[in-house]
Amino acid sequence: MTIPRLDASQPLPASLAGAVIALGNFDGFHRGHQAVAAEAIGWARAEGRPAIIATFDPHPARHFAPDAPPFRLTTLDQRQELFEAAGADAMLVFAFGAELAGTTAEDFVRRLLAGQLKIGAVVTGEDFTFGKGRGGNVAVLRAIGETCGIAARAVGPVLDAGGIVSSSRIRDALKAGDCAAASHLLTRPFAIRGTVQHGDKLGRTIGYPTANLPLDSYLRPRYGIYAVSGTLPGGRMVRGAANLGVRPHFDPPKELLEPHFFDFDGDLYGQEIEVALHHFLRPEAKFDSLEALTAQIEADCALAREHLG
C-alpha cells in the first residue's frame, strides 16, 4: 500500500503529530538523500515517533529560473514510492511558489514546522538552506527549533571515489550517456515514467513497434540508443532497446523516448509505464533508407540483449 502524500499547507493528521521529518529537495533520492532519510527514520523508530520524508514541488530552482532546461530526475509519484521503500510512514510536499519563497527562515520553522505541522524533529543534509534569501541553515534551524520544541540533526555528505554524491553529478553522468555512473549514485537505473502516446506507427510497419513516452520535465540524457528495461501495468518487467531523442529520420523532429520491448505484443496506449536506462549503445543517426534503418535497429536490439543478459 502506498504511503499517504500530504500537503504541507494543511495540518498533519493527529496520528503523525511529533513526527521526525527528513527535509530536503530529494530529487533523485540518491545515496546522499537516502542517508538523510535513514537518519530520520532510525531516529523516529528509536523514539516511537512517525517518520516522514518531505520534498519541495516544483523544485525551488524552477521557481527562481522558470526558463531553465528540464532537470528533474524523478516525479512526485516516483519519489512517493522511493520514500515508502525507504521506510517512511508518509510523504510531505511543500508547494514551492512565491509565498514559500518569501517566508523567512524563522517563520518557516516557528509557524509552519512547529505551529501548523506539529513536527517534533528535523533531519537535513549539512548544506541545507531554507527561508527567504536562503536565510536559514542547519545552525539557524537548530537555534530556532530549540525555542519551539523541534530537535534538529544534520547528516554529512556521502562520498565515493568521485567525490560528494550529488544530483548534479548524476545529471552530468546522464548527459554524457554514462548509465553506470548514474545508477551507482542513484542505487538504481535512472527511469522515465509516462503515459504511452500514439505515434506514427512506423516501428510497427517494420516489425519493431515502440511505446512512445513524452520526456516532460525530466532531465534530457544524452540522445541516442539505450538498452532498457520496462515496468508495465500490473508490474510485468520486460527488456528492450529504446531511442531517446528527436528522431532525426522524421520531419518535423519530435522529442520522445521510444522503447521497443523484446518478446512483447500488447496494446499499451494510454497506459502508464516506466522505462529504466541501463546502457548507452550509440548516438542517434539518420539513415538513407528504411532498409538501412531496419538493419541498424536489428543490430541495436541484438546488442541490447547482450548487455541486459
Protein backbone atom coordinates (compact mmCIF):
# COMPACT_ATOMS: atom_id res chain seq x y z
CA MET A 1 0.00 0.00 0.00
CA THR A 2 1.37 3.42 -0.93
CA ILE A 3 2.11 5.79 1.93
CA PRO A 4 -0.06 8.93 2.13
CA ARG A 5 1.02 12.08 0.26
CA LEU A 6 0.36 15.07 2.50
CA ASP A 7 0.10 18.76 1.67
CA ALA A 8 2.33 20.92 3.89
CA SER A 9 -0.15 23.80 3.69
CA GLN A 10 -2.58 21.73 5.79
CA PRO A 11 -2.22 20.42 9.37
CA LEU A 12 -0.95 16.85 9.62
CA PRO A 13 -3.28 14.08 10.80
CA ALA A 14 -3.21 13.76 14.60
CA SER A 15 -1.58 10.33 14.26
CA LEU A 16 1.52 11.97 12.75
CA ALA A 17 1.99 14.70 15.37
CA GLY A 18 5.52 14.86 16.75
CA ALA A 19 6.96 13.17 13.66
CA VAL A 20 10.62 13.16 12.73
CA ILE A 21 10.95 14.52 9.19
CA ALA A 22 13.76 14.26 6.65
CA LEU A 23 13.71 17.64 4.92
CA GLY A 24 15.22 18.40 1.51
CA ASN A 25 14.53 18.56 -2.21
CA PHE A 26 15.42 14.87 -2.62
CA ASP A 27 15.16 14.99 -6.42
CA GLY A 28 16.65 11.69 -7.48
CA PHE A 29 16.67 10.36 -3.90
CA HIS A 30 20.29 9.32 -4.37
CA ARG A 31 22.77 7.85 -1.87
CA GLY A 32 23.19 11.17 -0.07
CA HIS A 33 19.44 11.73 0.22
CA GLN A 34 18.97 8.14 1.38
CA ALA A 35 21.46 8.76 4.23
CA VAL A 36 19.40 11.75 5.45
CA ALA A 37 16.18 9.70 5.24
CA ALA A 38 17.77 6.75 7.06
CA GLU A 39 18.88 9.01 9.93
CA ALA A 40 15.35 10.43 10.29
CA ILE A 41 13.67 7.02 10.10
CA GLY A 42 16.13 5.48 12.57
CA TRP A 43 15.59 8.37 15.00
CA ALA A 44 11.81 8.07 14.66
CA ARG A 45 11.84 4.30 15.27
CA ALA A 46 14.12 4.67 18.32
CA GLU A 47 11.67 7.12 19.92
CA GLY A 48 8.43 5.54 18.72
CA ARG A 49 7.54 8.50 16.51
CA PRO A 50 6.20 8.60 12.94
CA ALA A 51 8.78 9.11 10.19
CA ILE A 52 8.05 11.48 7.29
CA ILE A 53 10.14 12.37 4.23
CA ALA A 54 9.42 15.87 2.93
CA THR A 55 10.12 17.31 -0.51
CA PHE A 56 9.50 20.50 -2.47
CA ASP A 57 7.47 20.60 -5.68
CA PRO A 58 8.04 22.23 -8.03
CA HIS A 59 11.79 22.24 -7.33
CA PRO A 60 12.81 25.67 -5.92
CA ALA A 61 15.25 26.08 -8.84
CA ARG A 62 12.27 26.03 -11.22
CA HIS A 63 10.66 28.93 -9.32
CA PHE A 64 13.79 31.10 -9.45
CA ALA A 65 14.78 30.12 -13.01
CA PRO A 66 11.50 29.26 -14.80
CA ASP A 67 13.19 29.11 -18.22
CA ALA A 68 15.93 26.66 -17.20
CA PRO A 69 16.09 23.47 -19.29
CA PRO A 70 14.31 20.44 -17.80
CA PHE A 71 16.39 18.89 -14.99
CA ARG A 72 14.12 16.63 -12.91
CA LEU A 73 15.38 13.14 -12.02
CA THR A 74 12.09 11.90 -10.53
CA THR A 75 8.40 12.71 -10.50
CA LEU A 76 6.42 13.07 -7.28
CA ASP A 77 4.91 9.62 -7.88
CA GLN A 78 8.35 8.06 -8.18
CA ARG A 79 9.56 9.84 -5.02
CA GLN A 80 6.49 8.66 -3.12
CA GLU A 81 7.35 5.03 -3.96
CA LEU A 82 11.03 5.54 -3.14
CA PHE A 83 10.18 7.15 0.21
CA GLU A 84 7.88 4.25 1.04
CA ALA A 85 10.58 1.73 0.15
CA ALA A 86 12.97 3.62 2.45
CA GLY A 87 10.58 3.07 5.36
CA ALA A 88 8.75 6.40 5.69
CA ASP A 89 5.22 6.50 7.10
CA ALA A 90 4.20 9.44 4.88
CA MET A 91 5.40 11.86 2.23
CA LEU A 92 5.04 15.59 2.88
CA VAL A 93 5.00 18.01 -0.08
CA PHE A 94 5.81 21.71 0.27
CA ALA A 95 4.38 23.52 -2.76
CA PHE A 96 7.15 25.91 -3.75
CA GLY A 97 5.94 29.23 -5.08
CA ALA A 98 6.12 32.94 -4.32
CA GLU A 99 4.58 32.52 -0.85
CA LEU A 100 7.05 29.92 0.37
CA ALA A 101 9.96 31.71 -1.34
CA GLY A 102 9.05 34.82 0.65
CA THR A 103 8.73 33.03 4.01
CA THR A 104 11.55 33.87 6.42
CA ALA A 105 13.61 31.09 7.99
CA GLU A 106 12.16 31.87 11.42
CA ASP A 107 8.60 31.84 10.11
CA PHE A 108 9.22 28.56 8.30
CA VAL A 109 10.39 26.84 11.49
CA ARG A 110 8.12 28.52 14.03
CA ARG A 111 4.86 28.92 12.12
CA LEU A 112 4.99 26.09 9.59
CA LEU A 113 7.02 23.25 11.14
CA ALA A 114 6.21 23.78 14.82
CA GLY A 115 2.85 25.53 14.66
CA GLN A 116 0.93 24.13 11.73
CA LEU A 117 2.59 20.75 11.21
CA LYS A 118 3.49 19.94 14.86
CA ILE A 119 6.83 18.47 13.78
CA GLY A 120 8.92 17.02 16.60
CA ALA A 121 12.33 16.76 14.94
CA VAL A 122 14.04 17.51 11.63
CA VAL A 123 16.96 15.89 9.81
CA THR A 124 18.63 17.64 6.87
CA GLY A 125 21.87 17.49 4.94
CA GLU A 126 24.68 19.67 6.29
CA ASP A 127 24.39 22.02 3.30
CA PHE A 128 20.60 22.50 3.53
CA THR A 129 19.41 26.12 3.26
CA PHE A 130 15.88 27.44 3.57
CA GLY A 131 13.80 30.57 4.02
CA LYS A 132 13.70 33.90 2.20
CA GLY A 133 17.05 34.68 0.58
CA ARG A 134 18.38 31.35 1.92
CA GLY A 135 18.46 32.97 5.35
CA GLY A 136 18.29 29.64 7.15
CA ASN A 137 20.82 26.85 7.52
CA VAL A 138 21.38 23.97 9.94
CA ALA A 139 22.60 26.28 12.73
CA VAL A 140 19.57 28.54 12.32
CA LEU A 141 17.21 25.55 12.24
CA ARG A 142 18.75 24.20 15.45
CA ALA A 143 18.67 27.58 17.24
CA ILE A 144 15.05 28.43 16.36
CA GLY A 145 13.96 24.83 16.86
CA GLU A 146 15.24 24.86 20.45
CA THR A 147 12.82 27.69 21.25
CA CYS A 148 9.77 25.87 19.86
CA GLY A 149 10.29 22.21 20.65
CA ILE A 150 11.95 20.97 17.45
CA ALA A 151 15.17 18.99 17.69
CA ALA A 152 17.48 19.01 14.65
CA ARG A 153 20.23 16.84 13.24
CA ALA A 154 22.39 17.21 10.13
CA VAL A 155 23.92 14.43 8.04
CA GLY A 156 27.26 14.97 6.32
CA PRO A 157 27.82 14.36 2.62
CA VAL A 158 28.11 10.82 1.27
CA LEU A 159 31.38 10.30 -0.59
CA ASP A 160 32.58 7.84 -3.20
CA ALA A 161 35.66 7.65 -5.39
CA GLY A 162 34.37 10.56 -7.48
CA GLY A 163 33.72 12.89 -4.54
CA ILE A 164 30.45 14.03 -2.97
CA VAL A 165 27.37 12.20 -4.20
CA SER A 166 25.08 14.87 -5.68
CA SER A 167 22.22 15.37 -8.11
CA SER A 168 24.47 17.49 -10.34
CA ARG A 169 26.92 14.58 -10.71
CA ILE A 170 24.02 12.33 -11.71
CA ARG A 171 22.80 14.86 -14.25
CA ASP A 172 26.30 15.20 -15.71
CA ALA A 173 26.60 11.40 -15.98
CA LEU A 174 23.25 11.10 -17.76
CA LYS A 175 24.10 13.93 -20.17
CA ALA A 176 27.28 12.01 -21.02
CA GLY A 177 25.38 8.75 -21.52
CA ASP A 178 27.16 7.18 -18.52
CA CYS A 179 24.33 5.00 -17.22
CA ALA A 180 26.64 3.01 -14.94
CA ALA A 181 27.79 6.11 -13.03
CA ALA A 182 24.23 7.42 -12.71
CA SER A 183 22.97 4.03 -11.49
CA HIS A 184 25.78 3.84 -8.91
CA LEU A 185 24.93 7.27 -7.49
CA LEU A 186 21.16 6.66 -7.53
CA THR A 187 21.43 3.00 -6.35
CA ARG A 188 19.16 2.12 -9.30
CA PRO A 189 18.96 2.95 -13.01
CA PHE A 190 17.54 6.35 -13.99
CA ALA A 191 13.94 5.77 -15.06
CA ILE A 192 11.41 7.81 -17.03
CA ARG A 193 7.72 7.28 -16.30
CA GLY A 194 4.91 8.44 -18.53
CA THR A 195 1.73 7.66 -20.41
CA VAL A 196 2.17 5.91 -23.75
CA GLN A 197 1.16 8.10 -26.69
CA HIS A 198 0.11 7.25 -30.23
CA GLY A 199 2.97 7.74 -32.67
CA ASP A 200 3.37 7.48 -36.44
CA LYS A 201 3.33 3.63 -36.29
CA LEU A 202 6.47 3.31 -38.45
CA GLY A 203 8.07 0.93 -35.95
CA ARG A 204 5.10 -1.38 -36.21
CA THR A 205 5.29 -1.48 -40.02
CA ILE A 206 8.96 -2.58 -39.94
CA GLY A 207 8.49 -5.13 -37.17
CA TYR A 208 9.73 -3.06 -34.24
CA PRO A 209 6.72 -1.46 -32.51
CA THR A 210 7.56 1.15 -29.90
CA ALA A 211 5.82 2.68 -26.89
CA ASN A 212 6.19 6.46 -27.22
CA LEU A 213 6.74 8.41 -23.99
CA PRO A 214 6.99 12.20 -23.60
CA LEU A 215 10.03 13.42 -21.64
CA ASP A 216 8.06 16.21 -19.90
CA SER A 217 10.07 17.81 -17.06
CA TYR A 218 12.72 15.07 -16.88
CA LEU A 219 16.37 15.87 -17.46
CA ARG A 220 17.38 15.08 -21.05
CA PRO A 221 20.01 12.32 -21.01
CA ARG A 222 22.39 12.03 -23.97
CA TYR A 223 20.38 11.47 -27.14
CA GLY A 224 20.85 8.02 -28.57
CA ILE A 225 20.00 4.34 -28.36
CA TYR A 226 19.82 2.59 -24.98
CA ALA A 227 19.41 -0.91 -23.60
CA VAL A 228 16.41 -0.58 -21.29
CA SER A 229 14.02 -2.40 -19.02
CA GLY A 230 10.34 -1.57 -18.70
CA THR A 231 7.81 -1.87 -15.91
CA LEU A 232 4.35 -2.34 -17.42
CA PRO A 233 0.89 -2.01 -15.82
CA GLY A 234 0.46 -4.77 -13.26
CA GLY A 235 4.20 -4.82 -12.57
CA ARG A 236 5.31 -7.00 -15.50
CA MET A 237 9.01 -6.50 -16.27
CA VAL A 238 10.28 -6.52 -19.86
CA ARG A 239 13.58 -5.75 -21.61
CA GLY A 240 14.20 -3.78 -24.75
CA ALA A 241 16.07 -1.18 -26.77
CA ALA A 242 14.98 2.45 -26.93
CA ASN A 243 15.63 5.59 -28.94
CA LEU A 244 15.81 8.72 -26.78
CA GLY A 245 15.95 12.00 -28.65
CA VAL A 246 14.48 13.86 -31.60
CA ARG A 247 14.34 11.02 -34.16
CA PRO A 248 16.46 12.63 -36.91
CA HIS A 249 14.88 10.49 -39.66
CA PHE A 250 11.49 12.15 -39.04
CA ASP A 251 10.29 15.57 -40.05
CA PRO A 252 9.49 17.54 -38.03
CA PRO A 253 11.73 16.19 -35.23
CA LYS A 254 9.88 15.33 -32.01
CA GLU A 255 11.49 14.67 -28.64
CA LEU A 256 10.48 11.26 -27.32
CA LEU A 257 11.60 8.12 -25.52
CA GLU A 258 10.65 5.19 -27.78
CA PRO A 259 11.28 1.76 -26.27
CA HIS A 260 10.82 -1.43 -28.26
CA PHE A 261 10.22 -4.30 -25.84
CA PHE A 262 11.51 -7.74 -26.76
CA ASP A 263 9.03 -10.62 -26.95
CA PHE A 264 6.08 -8.34 -26.14
CA ASP A 265 2.98 -7.89 -28.23
CA GLY A 266 0.33 -5.87 -26.47
CA ASP A 267 -1.52 -2.55 -26.51
CA LEU A 268 -0.03 0.00 -24.09
CA TYR A 269 -1.67 3.15 -25.48
CA GLY A 270 -2.95 5.45 -22.73
CA GLN A 271 -1.28 3.38 -20.01
CA GLU A 272 1.49 4.47 -17.66
CA ILE A 273 4.81 2.64 -17.90
CA GLU A 274 8.32 3.22 -16.59
CA VAL A 275 11.47 2.77 -18.66
CA ALA A 276 14.89 2.42 -16.99
CA LEU A 277 18.10 3.25 -18.88
CA HIS A 278 20.80 0.57 -18.39
CA HIS A 279 23.39 1.08 -21.15
CA PHE A 280 24.06 3.72 -23.79
CA LEU A 281 24.62 1.90 -27.09
CA ARG A 282 25.23 4.63 -29.71
CA PRO A 283 24.29 8.22 -30.65
CA GLU A 284 21.22 8.99 -32.76
CA ALA A 285 21.84 8.76 -36.51
CA LYS A 286 19.99 9.45 -39.74
CA PHE A 287 19.73 6.65 -42.32
CA ASP A 288 19.43 6.90 -46.09
CA SER A 289 16.78 4.20 -46.42
CA LEU A 290 14.19 2.27 -44.44
CA GLU A 291 16.23 -0.87 -45.08
CA ALA A 292 19.34 0.66 -43.50
CA LEU A 293 17.29 1.86 -40.52
CA THR A 294 15.74 -1.59 -40.06
CA ALA A 295 19.14 -3.30 -40.23
CA GLN A 296 20.53 -0.91 -37.61
CA ILE A 297 17.55 -1.46 -35.29
CA GLU A 298 18.11 -5.21 -35.57
CA ALA A 299 21.78 -4.75 -34.62
CA ASP A 300 20.82 -2.40 -31.74
CA CYS A 301 18.36 -4.95 -30.35
CA ALA A 302 20.97 -7.74 -30.52
CA LEU A 303 23.48 -5.55 -28.66
CA ALA A 304 20.87 -4.54 -26.07
CA ARG A 305 20.01 -8.19 -25.41
CA GLU A 306 23.73 -8.86 -24.92
CA HIS A 307 24.11 -6.02 -22.40
CA LEU A 308 20.96 -6.95 -20.49
CA GLY A 309 21.96 -10.63 -20.22
